[in-house]
Amino acid sequence: MLYIIGLGNPGEKYALTRHNVAWVVLDTLFPGGWNYHKYMNAEVKTGHAGLYIKPQTFMNNSGEVISFLKKEVDFEPEHIIVVYDDIDLPFGTIRVSYDRGDGGHNGLKSIVEHLGSSAYIRIRLGVSHKDAHGVLHKPNVLSNFSKTERETIQDNLAPQVERIITSIVEEGRDVAMNRYNQK
């Protein structure tokens, strides 16, 4: 079984911020609601690929769900997929990676700390903007998406993330990385 962890911050104040892009994607894929798992302190939903998880801790403590999973189920780090915002990628860009550093992302630091490994799959969702000259501008990750950006997330990014996860399940992470990391 795979454990797909979407990183974000709980609370209405953060619901549509760039830091919560993974939750916007997961809520788009599963609009029917989530179940709260009090021992994991996470909202969960079972899907075709495994257990989808939205930790209800703040971003810096996202890895606490890993500690719960380690006590309850037998899994390898490779069974973890983390979906999160990446400020080093332009909005609309998605990259799949494996066994990399945290890139300064506090949610990933927490995941690695609790997992004891960086050997897990990442689906990185770009949240920055490029200007007319191709210069990347990094916004505050707690700024809200515009209406147009939210529509792009729902219409384009969420279905793409679903295809990537399906590819990982059916064909393996290397095939998914080769297919979906194309320019």
Protein backbone atom coordinates (compact mmCIF):
# COMPACT_ATOMS: atom_id res chain seq x y z
CA MET A 1 0.00 0.00 0.00
CA LEU A 2 1.12 3.54 -0.72
CA TYR A 3 0.72 6.44 1.67
CA ILE A 4 0.18 9.69 -0.20
CA ILE A 5 0.80 12.62 2.15
CA GLY A 6 -0.28 16.08 1.08
CA LEU A 7 1.46 18.83 3.01
CA GLY A 8 -0.38 21.93 4.19
CA ASN A 9 -1.48 23.96 7.18
CA PRO A 10 -4.81 23.42 8.95
CA GLY A 11 -7.39 26.16 9.29
CA GLU A 12 -9.53 28.31 7.03
CA LYS A 13 -6.89 31.07 7.10
CA TYR A 14 -4.48 28.86 5.12
CA ALA A 15 -6.96 26.92 2.95
CA LEU A 16 -6.15 28.65 -0.36
CA THR A 17 -2.53 29.62 0.21
CA ARG A 18 0.38 28.49 -1.93
CA HIS A 19 1.69 26.39 0.96
CA ASN A 20 -1.56 24.39 0.80
CA VAL A 21 -1.51 23.60 -2.93
CA ALA A 22 -1.26 19.86 -2.16
CA TRP A 23 -4.46 20.02 -0.09
CA VAL A 24 -6.26 21.93 -2.85
CA VAL A 25 -5.21 19.18 -5.27
CA LEU A 26 -6.27 16.34 -2.94
CA ASP A 27 -9.59 18.03 -2.13
CA THR A 28 -10.21 18.35 -5.87
CA LEU A 29 -9.50 14.64 -6.37
CA PHE A 30 -11.69 13.67 -3.40
CA PRO A 31 -14.46 16.27 -3.14
CA GLY A 32 -16.74 14.05 -1.06
CA GLY A 33 -15.07 14.80 2.24
CA TRP A 34 -12.40 13.28 4.39
CA ASN A 35 -12.41 11.29 7.64
CA TYR A 36 -10.54 12.55 10.67
CA HIS A 37 -8.20 9.96 12.22
CA LYS A 38 -7.64 11.19 15.75
CA TYR A 39 -4.63 8.99 16.55
CA MET A 40 -2.83 10.03 13.39
CA ASN A 41 -4.09 13.63 13.76
CA ALA A 42 -4.82 13.67 10.06
CA GLU A 43 -7.65 13.70 7.59
CA VAL A 44 -7.58 10.50 5.55
CA LYS A 45 -9.25 9.07 2.48
CA THR A 46 -8.77 5.68 0.87
CA GLY A 47 -8.26 5.91 -2.88
CA HIS A 48 -7.17 3.72 -5.78
CA ALA A 49 -3.47 4.11 -4.97
CA GLY A 50 -3.62 3.73 -1.21
CA LEU A 51 -4.22 5.94 1.80
CA TYR A 52 -4.30 9.68 1.14
CA ILE A 53 -3.32 11.74 4.19
CA LYS A 54 -3.57 15.42 5.09
CA PRO A 55 -1.71 15.92 8.40
CA GLN A 56 -3.57 18.31 10.70
CA THR A 57 -0.38 19.59 12.25
CA PHE A 58 1.25 22.74 10.96
CA MET A 59 3.73 22.29 8.11
CA ASN A 60 6.81 22.13 10.36
CA ASN A 61 5.41 19.04 12.12
CA SER A 62 4.06 17.19 9.08
CA GLY A 63 6.26 14.17 9.77
CA GLU A 64 4.36 13.28 12.94
CA VAL A 65 2.00 11.17 10.80
CA ILE A 66 5.03 9.06 9.84
CA SER A 67 5.65 8.25 13.51
CA PHE A 68 2.09 6.96 13.80
CA LEU A 69 2.39 4.90 10.61
CA LYS A 70 5.68 3.37 11.78
CA LYS A 71 3.93 2.10 14.94
CA GLU A 72 0.87 0.75 13.16
CA VAL A 73 1.89 -0.65 9.76
CA ASP A 74 4.88 -2.26 8.10
CA PHE A 75 6.10 -0.17 5.18
CA GLU A 76 9.25 0.94 3.45
CA PRO A 77 10.14 4.61 2.83
CA GLU A 78 9.54 3.93 -0.89
CA HIS A 79 5.83 3.46 -0.04
CA ILE A 80 5.56 7.15 0.87
CA ILE A 81 4.61 9.79 -1.70
CA VAL A 82 4.71 13.38 -0.48
CA VAL A 83 2.86 16.06 -2.47
CA TYR A 84 3.90 19.62 -1.66
CA ASP A 85 4.52 23.18 -2.81
CA ASP A 86 7.86 24.01 -4.39
CA ILE A 87 8.79 27.68 -4.50
CA ASP A 88 11.69 26.95 -6.86
CA LEU A 89 9.31 25.90 -9.67
CA PRO A 90 6.98 28.14 -11.68
CA PHE A 91 3.25 27.80 -11.09
CA GLY A 92 1.77 24.94 -13.07
CA THR A 93 5.01 22.94 -13.16
CA ILE A 94 5.02 19.48 -11.62
CA ARG A 95 8.14 17.42 -10.98
CA VAL A 96 8.49 13.91 -9.62
CA SER A 97 11.63 13.10 -7.66
CA TYR A 98 13.02 10.44 -5.37
CA ASP A 99 15.57 10.35 -2.56
CA ARG A 100 16.53 14.03 -2.60
CA GLY A 101 17.20 16.71 -0.03
CA ASP A 102 14.53 18.87 1.55
CA GLY A 103 15.39 22.01 -0.45
CA GLY A 104 14.80 24.10 2.65
CA HIS A 105 11.15 22.98 2.92
CA ASN A 106 10.29 22.58 6.61
CA GLY A 107 7.55 20.04 5.93
CA LEU A 108 10.05 17.78 4.17
CA LYS A 109 12.57 18.26 6.97
CA SER A 110 9.95 16.94 9.37
CA ILE A 111 9.14 13.98 7.10
CA VAL A 112 12.83 13.00 6.86
CA GLU A 113 13.31 13.44 10.61
CA HIS A 114 10.42 11.08 11.46
CA LEU A 115 11.00 8.64 8.60
CA GLY A 116 14.74 8.42 9.15
CA SER A 117 15.30 8.44 5.40
CA SER A 118 15.03 10.65 2.35
CA ALA A 119 14.26 7.63 0.11
CA TYR A 120 10.64 8.50 -0.60
CA ILE A 121 8.83 9.84 -3.68
CA ARG A 122 8.05 13.53 -4.02
CA ILE A 123 5.52 15.24 -6.25
CA ARG A 124 6.60 18.87 -6.34
CA LEU A 125 4.03 21.51 -7.35
CA GLY A 126 5.39 24.86 -8.51
CA VAL A 127 3.89 27.95 -6.85
CA SER A 128 6.12 30.80 -8.11
CA HIS A 129 5.82 33.02 -11.20
CA LYS A 130 8.09 33.79 -14.15
CA ASP A 131 8.01 37.27 -15.61
CA ALA A 132 8.20 38.16 -19.30
CA HIS A 133 12.02 37.83 -19.14
CA GLY A 134 11.91 34.33 -17.64
CA VAL A 135 12.96 35.47 -14.16
CA LEU A 136 11.38 33.41 -11.38
CA HIS A 137 9.66 35.48 -8.69
CA LYS A 138 9.07 33.70 -5.40
CA PRO A 139 5.93 34.87 -3.59
CA ASN A 140 5.14 34.51 0.08
CA VAL A 141 3.98 30.90 0.45
CA LEU A 142 1.18 32.11 2.72
CA SER A 143 -0.28 34.32 -0.03
CA ASN A 144 -3.54 33.16 -1.59
CA PHE A 145 -3.98 31.82 -5.10
CA SER A 146 -5.95 33.96 -7.51
CA LYS A 147 -9.28 32.67 -8.85
CA THR A 148 -7.61 31.85 -12.18
CA GLU A 149 -4.83 29.92 -10.41
CA ARG A 150 -7.38 27.95 -8.38
CA GLU A 151 -9.16 27.03 -11.61
CA THR A 152 -5.84 25.90 -13.11
CA ILE A 153 -5.16 23.74 -10.05
CA GLN A 154 -8.59 22.10 -10.28
CA ASP A 155 -8.72 21.71 -14.06
CA ASN A 156 -5.08 20.90 -14.87
CA LEU A 157 -2.85 20.17 -11.88
CA ALA A 158 -5.14 17.84 -9.91
CA PRO A 159 -5.80 15.53 -12.89
CA GLN A 160 -2.07 15.52 -13.70
CA VAL A 161 -1.19 14.56 -10.11
CA GLU A 162 -3.73 11.75 -10.31
CA ARG A 163 -2.15 10.49 -13.56
CA ILE A 164 1.31 10.63 -11.96
CA ILE A 165 0.20 8.64 -8.91
CA THR A 166 -1.49 6.07 -11.17
CA SER A 167 1.71 5.81 -13.22
CA ILE A 168 3.78 5.28 -10.06
CA VAL A 169 1.41 2.51 -8.94
CA GLU A 170 1.13 0.78 -12.32
CA GLU A 171 4.54 1.39 -13.91
CA GLY A 172 6.91 2.37 -11.10
CA ARG A 173 8.50 5.63 -10.01
CA ASP A 174 11.26 5.65 -12.66
CA VAL A 175 8.78 5.46 -15.53
CA ALA A 176 6.65 8.17 -13.89
CA MET A 177 9.68 10.43 -13.41
CA ASN A 178 10.79 9.96 -17.03
CA ARG A 179 7.31 10.56 -18.42
CA TYR A 180 6.18 13.48 -16.26
CA ASN A 181 9.43 15.40 -15.82
CA GLN A 182 9.55 16.27 -19.52
CA LYS A 183 9.78 19.98 -20.34
